[in-house]
PDB file of N, CA and C in Angstrom:
ATOM      1  N   UNK A   1      11.778   8.941   5.517  1.00  0.00           N
ATOM      2  CA  UNK A   1      10.547   8.363   6.020  1.00  0.00           C
ATOM      3  C   UNK A   1      10.399   6.930   5.518  1.00  0.00           C
ATOM      4  N   UNK A   2      10.136   6.032   6.448  1.00  0.00           N
ATOM      5  CA  UNK A   2      10.004   4.629   6.073  1.00  0.00           C
ATOM      6  C   UNK A   2       8.817   4.387   5.160  1.00  0.00           C
ATOM      7  N   UNK A   3       7.683   5.005   5.467  1.00  0.00           N
ATOM      8  CA  UNK A   3       6.492   4.810   4.650  1.00  0.00           C
ATOM      9  C   UNK A   3       6.702   5.354   3.249  1.00  0.00           C
ATOM     10  N   UNK A   4       7.256   6.548   3.148  1.00  0.00           N
ATOM     11  CA  UNK A   4       7.509   7.143   1.843  1.00  0.00           C
ATOM     12  C   UNK A   4       8.469   6.279   1.026  1.00  0.00           C
ATOM     13  N   UNK A   5       9.515   5.773   1.661  1.00  0.00           N
ATOM     14  CA  UNK A   5      10.472   4.909   0.967  1.00  0.00           C
ATOM     15  C   UNK A   5       9.815   3.616   0.503  1.00  0.00           C
ATOM     16  N   UNK A   6       8.967   3.046   1.353  1.00  0.00           N
ATOM     17  CA  UNK A   6       8.262   1.819   0.998  1.00  0.00           C
ATOM     18  C   UNK A   6       7.363   2.041  -0.212  1.00  0.00           C
ATOM     19  N   UNK A   7       6.566   3.106  -0.178  1.00  0.00           N
ATOM     20  CA  UNK A   7       5.656   3.416  -1.284  1.00  0.00           C
ATOM     21  C   UNK A   7       6.444   3.634  -2.566  1.00  0.00           C
ATOM     22  N   UNK A   8       7.502   4.426  -2.499  1.00  0.00           N
ATOM     23  CA  UNK A   8       8.331   4.691  -3.693  1.00  0.00           C
ATOM     24  C   UNK A   8       8.960   3.412  -4.233  1.00  0.00           C
ATOM     25  N   UNK A   9       9.449   2.566  -3.333  1.00  0.00           N
ATOM     26  CA  UNK A   9      10.099   1.322  -3.755  1.00  0.00           C
ATOM     27  C   UNK A   9       9.125   0.428  -4.515  1.00  0.00           C
ATOM     28  N   UNK A  10       7.914   0.290  -3.996  1.00  0.00           N
ATOM     29  CA  UNK A  10       6.918  -0.552  -4.666  1.00  0.00           C
ATOM     30  C   UNK A  10       6.493   0.069  -5.993  1.00  0.00           C
ATOM     31  N   UNK A  11       6.194   1.371  -6.004  1.00  0.00           N
ATOM     32  CA  UNK A  11       5.724   2.015  -7.225  1.00  0.00           C
ATOM     33  C   UNK A  11       6.791   2.077  -8.322  1.00  0.00           C
ATOM     34  N   UNK A  12       8.065   1.977  -7.938  1.00  0.00           N
ATOM     35  CA  UNK A  12       9.137   2.048  -8.941  1.00  0.00           C
ATOM     36  C   UNK A  12       9.466   0.693  -9.566  1.00  0.00           C
ATOM     37  N   UNK A  13       8.834  -0.379  -9.118  1.00  0.00           N
ATOM     38  CA  UNK A  13       9.072  -1.706  -9.697  1.00  0.00           C
ATOM     39  C   UNK A  13       8.520  -1.716 -11.121  1.00  0.00           C
ATOM     40  N   UNK A  14       9.328  -2.147 -12.091  1.00  0.00           N
ATOM     41  CA  UNK A  14       8.840  -2.190 -13.475  1.00  0.00           C
ATOM     42  C   UNK A  14       7.572  -3.045 -13.603  1.00  0.00           C
ATOM     43  N   UNK A  15       6.622  -2.563 -14.363  1.00  0.00           N
ATOM     44  CA  UNK A  15       5.346  -3.249 -14.604  1.00  0.00           C
ATOM     45  C   UNK A  15       4.604  -3.585 -13.320  1.00  0.00           C
ATOM     46  N   UNK A  16       4.708  -2.710 -12.318  1.00  0.00           N
ATOM     47  CA  UNK A  16       4.075  -2.976 -11.023  1.00  0.00           C
ATOM     48  C   UNK A  16       2.570  -3.165 -11.166  1.00  0.00           C
ATOM     49  N   UNK A  17       1.955  -2.485 -12.121  1.00  0.00           N
ATOM     50  CA  UNK A  17       0.512  -2.617 -12.310  1.00  0.00           C
ATOM     51  C   UNK A  17       0.102  -4.026 -12.702  1.00  0.00           C
ATOM     52  N   UNK A  18       1.035  -4.832 -13.209  1.00  0.00           N
ATOM     53  CA  UNK A  18       0.747  -6.215 -13.586  1.00  0.00           C
ATOM     54  C   UNK A  18       1.144  -7.190 -12.488  1.00  0.00           C
ATOM     55  N   UNK A  19       1.806  -6.694 -11.439  1.00  0.00           N
ATOM     56  CA  UNK A  19       2.344  -7.582 -10.408  1.00  0.00           C
ATOM     57  C   UNK A  19       1.597  -7.534  -9.090  1.00  0.00           C
ATOM     58  N   UNK A  20       0.786  -6.493  -8.874  1.00  0.00           N
ATOM     59  CA  UNK A  20       0.060  -6.409  -7.611  1.00  0.00           C
ATOM     60  C   UNK A  20      -1.414  -6.138  -7.851  1.00  0.00           C
ATOM     61  N   UNK A  21      -2.171  -6.379  -6.826  1.00  0.00           N
ATOM     62  CA  UNK A  21      -3.605  -6.159  -6.822  1.00  0.00           C
ATOM     63  C   UNK A  21      -3.916  -4.703  -7.155  1.00  0.00           C
ATOM     64  N   UNK A  22      -4.881  -4.475  -8.027  1.00  0.00           N
ATOM     65  CA  UNK A  22      -5.191  -3.114  -8.464  1.00  0.00           C
ATOM     66  C   UNK A  22      -5.702  -2.239  -7.318  1.00  0.00           C
ATOM     67  N   UNK A  23      -6.405  -2.817  -6.364  1.00  0.00           N
ATOM     68  CA  UNK A  23      -6.875  -2.047  -5.212  1.00  0.00           C
ATOM     69  C   UNK A  23      -5.698  -1.565  -4.383  1.00  0.00           C
ATOM     70  N   UNK A  24      -4.710  -2.434  -4.184  1.00  0.00           N
ATOM     71  CA  UNK A  24      -3.528  -2.051  -3.419  1.00  0.00           C
ATOM     72  C   UNK A  24      -2.725  -0.986  -4.165  1.00  0.00           C
ATOM     73  N   UNK A  25      -2.601  -1.132  -5.478  1.00  0.00           N
ATOM     74  CA  UNK A  25      -1.893  -0.132  -6.277  1.00  0.00           C
ATOM     75  C   UNK A  25      -2.567   1.233  -6.147  1.00  0.00           C
ATOM     76  N   UNK A  26      -3.884   1.249  -6.190  1.00  0.00           N
ATOM     77  CA  UNK A  26      -4.607   2.516  -6.032  1.00  0.00           C
ATOM     78  C   UNK A  26      -4.343   3.104  -4.647  1.00  0.00           C
ATOM     79  N   UNK A  27      -4.340   2.278  -3.609  1.00  0.00           N
ATOM     80  CA  UNK A  27      -4.086   2.751  -2.244  1.00  0.00           C
ATOM     81  C   UNK A  27      -2.673   3.309  -2.121  1.00  0.00           C
ATOM     82  N   UNK A  28      -1.715   2.681  -2.773  1.00  0.00           N
ATOM     83  CA  UNK A  28      -0.346   3.205  -2.744  1.00  0.00           C
ATOM     84  C   UNK A  28      -0.276   4.561  -3.425  1.00  0.00           C
ATOM     85  N   UNK A  29      -0.982   4.699  -4.537  1.00  0.00           N
ATOM     86  CA  UNK A  29      -0.997   5.968  -5.261  1.00  0.00           C
ATOM     87  C   UNK A  29      -1.632   7.068  -4.408  1.00  0.00           C
ATOM     88  N   UNK A  30      -2.723   6.755  -3.714  1.00  0.00           N
ATOM     89  CA  UNK A  30      -3.358   7.715  -2.812  1.00  0.00           C
ATOM     90  C   UNK A  30      -2.395   8.074  -1.682  1.00  0.00           C
ATOM     91  N   UNK A  31      -1.731   7.061  -1.120  1.00  0.00           N
ATOM     92  CA  UNK A  31      -0.772   7.298  -0.034  1.00  0.00           C
ATOM     93  C   UNK A  31       0.365   8.203  -0.490  1.00  0.00           C
ATOM     94  N   UNK A  32       0.857   7.970  -1.705  1.00  0.00           N
ATOM     95  CA  UNK A  32       1.941   8.802  -2.237  1.00  0.00           C
ATOM     96  C   UNK A  32       1.496  10.258  -2.335  1.00  0.00           C
ATOM     97  N   UNK A  33       0.287  10.476  -2.839  1.00  0.00           N
ATOM     98  CA  UNK A  33      -0.225  11.842  -2.962  1.00  0.00           C
ATOM     99  C   UNK A  33      -0.375  12.493  -1.598  1.00  0.00           C
ATOM    100  N   UNK A  34      -0.874  11.730  -0.613  1.00  0.00           N
ATOM    101  CA  UNK A  34      -1.014  12.270   0.735  1.00  0.00           C
ATOM    102  C   UNK A  34       0.348  12.643   1.319  1.00  0.00           C
ATOM    103  N   UNK A  35       1.348  11.781   1.110  1.00  0.00           N
ATOM    104  CA  UNK A  35       2.691  12.057   1.612  1.00  0.00           C
ATOM    105  C   UNK A  35       3.299  13.287   0.948  1.00  0.00           C
ATOM    106  N   UNK A  36       2.921  13.536  -0.299  1.00  0.00           N
ATOM    107  CA  UNK A  36       3.423  14.705  -1.023  1.00  0.00           C
ATOM    108  C   UNK A  36       2.644  15.972  -0.671  1.00  0.00           C
ATOM    109  N   UNK A  37       1.565  15.806   0.115  1.00  0.00           N
ATOM    110  CA  UNK A  37       0.749  16.957   0.491  1.00  0.00           C
ATOM    111  C   UNK A  37      -0.292  17.323  -0.543  1.00  0.00           C
ATOM    112  N   UNK A  38      -0.529  16.435  -1.498  1.00  0.00           N
ATOM    113  CA  UNK A  38      -1.531  16.667  -2.536  1.00  0.00           C
ATOM    114  C   UNK A  38      -2.913  16.300  -1.996  1.00  0.00           C
ATOM    115  N   UNK A  39      -3.894  17.115  -2.284  1.00  0.00           N
ATOM    116  CA  UNK A  39      -5.256  16.849  -1.822  1.00  0.00           C
ATOM    117  C   UNK A  39      -5.836  15.643  -2.541  1.00  0.00           C
ATOM    118  N   UNK A  40      -6.388  14.753  -1.772  1.00  0.00           N
ATOM    119  CA  UNK A  40      -7.111  13.602  -2.318  1.00  0.00           C
ATOM    120  C   UNK A  40      -8.471  13.547  -1.623  1.00  0.00           C
ATOM    121  N   UNK A  41      -9.198  14.637  -1.768  1.00  0.00           N
ATOM    122  CA  UNK A  41     -10.484  14.800  -1.100  1.00  0.00           C
ATOM    123  C   UNK A  41     -11.371  13.577  -1.312  1.00  0.00           C
ATOM    124  N   UNK A  42     -12.006  13.170  -0.220  1.00  0.00           N
ATOM    125  CA  UNK A  42     -12.930  12.026  -0.226  1.00  0.00           C
ATOM    126  C   UNK A  42     -12.248  10.699  -0.561  1.00  0.00           C
ATOM    127  N   UNK A  43     -10.956  10.617  -0.379  1.00  0.00           N
ATOM    128  CA  UNK A  43     -10.239   9.362  -0.646  1.00  0.00           C
ATOM    129  C   UNK A  43      -9.558   8.905   0.637  1.00  0.00           C
ATOM    130  N   UNK A  44      -9.301   7.623   0.713  1.00  0.00           N
ATOM    131  CA  UNK A  44      -8.613   7.047   1.864  1.00  0.00           C
ATOM    132  C   UNK A  44      -7.617   6.027   1.348  1.00  0.00           C
ATOM    133  N   UNK A  45      -6.522   5.855   2.075  1.00  0.00           N
ATOM    134  CA  UNK A  45      -5.554   4.838   1.672  1.00  0.00           C
ATOM    135  C   UNK A  45      -5.882   3.493   2.308  1.00  0.00           C
ATOM    136  N   UNK A  46      -6.961   3.436   3.063  1.00  0.00           N
ATOM    137  CA  UNK A  46      -7.342   2.197   3.727  1.00  0.00           C
ATOM    138  C   UNK A  46      -8.470   1.529   2.955  1.00  0.00           C
ATOM    139  N   UNK A  47      -8.339   0.249   2.702  1.00  0.00           N
ATOM    140  CA  UNK A  47      -9.383  -0.490   2.010  1.00  0.00           C
ATOM    141  C   UNK A  47      -9.447  -1.908   2.565  1.00  0.00           C
ATOM    142  N   UNK A  48     -10.555  -2.287   3.184  1.00  0.00           N
ATOM    143  CA  UNK A  48     -10.644  -3.635   3.733  1.00  0.00           C
ATOM    144  C   UNK A  48     -11.015  -4.683   2.688  1.00  0.00           C
ATOM    145  N   UNK A  49     -11.373  -4.258   1.481  1.00  0.00           N
ATOM    146  CA  UNK A  49     -11.763  -5.197   0.445  1.00  0.00           C
ATOM    147  C   UNK A  49     -10.700  -5.241  -0.642  1.00  0.00           C
ATOM    148  N   UNK A  50     -10.459  -6.394  -1.188  1.00  0.00           N
ATOM    149  CA  UNK A  50      -9.536  -6.503  -2.299  1.00  0.00           C
ATOM    150  C   UNK A  50      -9.953  -7.662  -3.201  1.00  0.00           C
ATOM    151  N   UNK A  51      -9.516  -7.614  -4.429  1.00  0.00           N
ATOM    152  CA  UNK A  51      -9.812  -8.673  -5.390  1.00  0.00           C
ATOM    153  C   UNK A  51      -8.592  -9.547  -5.587  1.00  0.00           C
ATOM    154  N   UNK A  52      -8.818 -10.835  -5.722  1.00  0.00           N
ATOM    155  CA  UNK A  52      -7.745 -11.736  -6.126  1.00  0.00           C
ATOM    156  C   UNK A  52      -8.343 -12.802  -7.024  1.00  0.00           C
ATOM    157  N   UNK A  53      -7.571 -13.808  -7.359  1.00  0.00           N
ATOM    158  CA  UNK A  53      -8.058 -14.825  -8.287  1.00  0.00           C
ATOM    159  C   UNK A  53      -9.217 -15.643  -7.709  1.00  0.00           C
ATOM    160  N   UNK A  54      -9.465 -15.537  -6.403  1.00  0.00           N
ATOM    161  CA  UNK A  54     -10.577 -16.251  -5.772  1.00  0.00           C
ATOM    162  C   UNK A  54     -11.800 -15.371  -5.584  1.00  0.00           C
ATOM    163  N   UNK A  55     -11.729 -14.129  -6.013  1.00  0.00           N
ATOM    164  CA  UNK A  55     -12.854 -13.219  -5.896  1.00  0.00           C
ATOM    165  C   UNK A  55     -12.601 -12.119  -4.895  1.00  0.00           C
ATOM    166  N   UNK A  56     -13.675 -11.510  -4.397  1.00  0.00           N
ATOM    167  CA  UNK A  56     -13.562 -10.415  -3.448  1.00  0.00           C
ATOM    168  C   UNK A  56     -13.279 -10.979  -2.064  1.00  0.00           C
ATOM    169  N   UNK A  57     -12.321 -10.391  -1.382  1.00  0.00           N
ATOM    170  CA  UNK A  57     -11.941 -10.813  -0.033  1.00  0.00           C
ATOM    171  C   UNK A  57     -12.113  -9.629   0.905  1.00  0.00           C
ATOM    172  N   UNK A  58     -12.264  -9.925   2.172  1.00  0.00           N
ATOM    173  CA  UNK A  58     -12.408  -8.897   3.190  1.00  0.00           C
ATOM    174  C   UNK A  58     -11.369  -9.141   4.278  1.00  0.00           C
ATOM    175  N   UNK A  59     -10.720  -8.087   4.722  1.00  0.00           N
ATOM    176  CA  UNK A  59      -9.824  -8.183   5.853  1.00  0.00           C
ATOM    177  C   UNK A  59     -10.009  -6.943   6.715  1.00  0.00           C
ATOM    178  N   UNK A  60      -9.989  -7.141   8.026  1.00  0.00           N
ATOM    179  CA  UNK A  60     -10.121  -5.992   8.921  1.00  0.00           C
ATOM    180  C   UNK A  60      -8.763  -5.371   9.198  1.00  0.00           C
ATOM    181  N   UNK A  61      -7.701  -6.002   8.716  1.00  0.00           N
ATOM    182  CA  UNK A  61      -6.354  -5.537   9.006  1.00  0.00           C
ATOM    183  C   UNK A  61      -5.667  -4.991   7.759  1.00  0.00           C
ATOM    184  N   UNK A  62      -5.424  -3.680   7.703  1.00  0.00           N
ATOM    185  CA  UNK A  62      -4.672  -3.129   6.580  1.00  0.00           C
ATOM    186  C   UNK A  62      -3.275  -3.752   6.479  1.00  0.00           C
ATOM    187  N   UNK A  63      -2.692  -4.122   7.620  1.00  0.00           N
ATOM    188  CA  UNK A  63      -1.369  -4.749   7.612  1.00  0.00           C
ATOM    189  C   UNK A  63      -1.417  -6.100   6.890  1.00  0.00           C
ATOM    190  N   UNK A  64      -2.442  -6.903   7.165  1.00  0.00           N
ATOM    191  CA  UNK A  64      -2.580  -8.194   6.489  1.00  0.00           C
ATOM    192  C   UNK A  64      -2.830  -8.000   4.995  1.00  0.00           C
ATOM    193  N   UNK A  65      -3.640  -7.007   4.653  1.00  0.00           N
ATOM    194  CA  UNK A  65      -3.902  -6.685   3.250  1.00  0.00           C
ATOM    195  C   UNK A  65      -2.596  -6.324   2.542  1.00  0.00           C
ATOM    196  N   UNK A  66      -1.773  -5.525   3.197  1.00  0.00           N
ATOM    197  CA  UNK A  66      -0.488  -5.126   2.630  1.00  0.00           C
ATOM    198  C   UNK A  66       0.439  -6.323   2.496  1.00  0.00           C
ATOM    199  N   UNK A  67       0.522  -7.143   3.536  1.00  0.00           N
ATOM    200  CA  UNK A  67       1.376  -8.345   3.475  1.00  0.00           C
ATOM    201  C   UNK A  67       0.960  -9.248   2.320  1.00  0.00           C
ATOM    202  N   UNK A  68      -0.344  -9.455   2.168  1.00  0.00           N
ATOM    203  CA  UNK A  68      -0.839 -10.291   1.083  1.00  0.00           C
ATOM    204  C   UNK A  68      -0.481  -9.673  -0.271  1.00  0.00           C
ATOM    205  N   UNK A  69      -0.618  -8.365  -0.377  1.00  0.00           N
ATOM    206  CA  UNK A  69      -0.398  -7.677  -1.640  1.00  0.00           C
ATOM    207  C   UNK A  69       1.061  -7.682  -2.084  1.00  0.00           C
ATOM    208  N   UNK A  70       2.004  -7.667  -1.143  1.00  0.00           N
ATOM    209  CA  UNK A  70       3.424  -7.588  -1.518  1.00  0.00           C
ATOM    210  C   UNK A  70       4.158  -8.917  -1.396  1.00  0.00           C
ATOM    211  N   UNK A  71       3.427 -10.007  -1.119  1.00  0.00           N
ATOM    212  CA  UNK A  71       4.084 -11.278  -0.843  1.00  0.00           C
ATOM    213  C   UNK A  71       4.989 -11.769  -1.972  1.00  0.00           C
ATOM    214  N   UNK A  72       4.713 -11.407  -3.202  1.00  0.00           N
ATOM    215  CA  UNK A  72       5.534 -11.864  -4.327  1.00  0.00           C
ATOM    216  C   UNK A  72       6.537 -10.822  -4.813  1.00  0.00           C
ATOM    217  N   UNK A  73       6.654  -9.727  -4.075  1.00  0.00           N
ATOM    218  CA  UNK A  73       7.598  -8.675  -4.446  1.00  0.00           C
ATOM    219  C   UNK A  73       8.821  -8.760  -3.547  1.00  0.00           C
ATOM    220  N   UNK A  74       9.907  -8.226  -3.987  1.00  0.00           N
ATOM    221  CA  UNK A  74      11.140  -8.232  -3.191  1.00  0.00           C
ATOM    222  C   UNK A  74      11.226  -6.940  -2.377  1.00  0.00           C
ATOM    223  N   UNK A  75      10.216  -6.728  -1.505  1.00  0.00           N
ATOM    224  CA  UNK A  75      10.187  -5.552  -0.642  1.00  0.00           C
ATOM    225  C   UNK A  75       9.842  -5.987   0.779  1.00  0.00           C
ATOM    226  N   UNK A  76      10.282  -5.201   1.730  1.00  0.00           N
ATOM    227  CA  UNK A  76      10.021  -5.482   3.132  1.00  0.00           C
ATOM    228  C   UNK A  76       9.082  -4.431   3.688  1.00  0.00           C
ATOM    229  N   UNK A  77       8.062  -4.887   4.380  1.00  0.00           N
ATOM    230  CA  UNK A  77       7.121  -3.981   5.014  1.00  0.00           C
ATOM    231  C   UNK A  77       7.810  -3.294   6.180  1.00  0.00           C
ATOM    232  N   UNK A  78       7.732  -1.960   6.270  1.00  0.00           N
ATOM    233  CA  UNK A  78       8.347  -1.268   7.413  1.00  0.00           C
ATOM    234  C   UNK A  78       7.746  -1.769   8.724  1.00  0.00           C
ATOM    235  N   UNK A  79       8.549  -1.822   9.761  1.00  0.00           N
ATOM    236  CA  UNK A  79       8.049  -2.271  11.059  1.00  0.00           C
ATOM    237  C   UNK A  79       7.075  -1.248  11.626  1.00  0.00           C
ATOM    238  N   UNK A  80       6.241  -1.701  12.536  1.00  0.00           N
ATOM    239  CA  UNK A  80       5.276  -0.811  13.168  1.00  0.00           C
ATOM    240  C   UNK A  80       5.973   0.335  13.874  1.00  0.00           C
ATOM    241  N   UNK A  81       7.083   0.054  14.540  1.00  0.00           N
ATOM    242  CA  UNK A  81       7.799   1.120  15.251  1.00  0.00           C
ATOM    243  C   UNK A  81       8.379   2.137  14.281  1.00  0.00           C
ATOM    244  N   UNK A  82       8.865   1.695  13.117  1.00  0.00           N
ATOM    245  CA  UNK A  82       9.365   2.632  12.109  1.00  0.00           C
ATOM    246  C   UNK A  82       8.249   3.548  11.626  1.00  0.00           C
ATOM    247  N   UNK A  83       7.077   2.970  11.396  1.00  0.00           N
ATOM    248  CA  UNK A  83       5.934   3.766  10.923  1.00  0.00           C
ATOM    249  C   UNK A  83       5.470   4.740  12.008  1.00  0.00           C
ATOM    250  N   UNK A  84       5.444   4.286  13.241  1.00  0.00           N
ATOM    251  CA  UNK A  84       5.052   5.190  14.331  1.00  0.00           C
ATOM    252  C   UNK A  84       6.020   6.350  14.456  1.00  0.00           C
ATOM    253  N   UNK A  85       7.304   6.094  14.273  1.00  0.00           N
ATOM    254  CA  UNK A  85       8.308   7.173  14.325  1.00  0.00           C
ATOM    255  C   UNK A  85       8.065   8.191  13.206  1.00  0.00           C
ATOM    256  N   UNK A  86       7.648   7.717  12.037  1.00  0.00           N
ATOM    257  CA  UNK A  86       7.346   8.618  10.926  1.00  0.00           C
ATOM    258  C   UNK A  86       6.194   9.558  11.266  1.00  0.00           C
ATOM    259  N   UNK A  87       5.253   9.085  12.049  1.00  0.00           N
ATOM    260  CA  UNK A  87       4.042   9.849  12.324  1.00  0.00           C
ATOM    261  C   UNK A  87       4.175  10.793  13.510  1.00  0.00           C
ATOM    262  N   UNK A  88       5.262  10.691  14.264  1.00  0.00           N
ATOM    263  CA  UNK A  88       5.434  11.573  15.423  1.00  0.00           C
ATOM    264  C   UNK A  88       6.369  12.711  15.116  1.00  0.00           C
TER     265      UNK A  88
END
């Protein structure tokens, strides 16, 4: 699964908690639990708000939020078609 591989790749980066936005890290952790079939009642992997050095930001696009969050990491965001294939 492309999404599962992406989540694992990011979470396995040494000191990842110091390299990415804490909101994005939490969303990845929630996503990992969902992919593993673990209940995360009342939680969502989607968050339109995030914190950065300029303060709280808002984005309506989870894809843009993800791109911003991983811009300094050596990882590639799975393509939309790869993700759609995972979900079918």
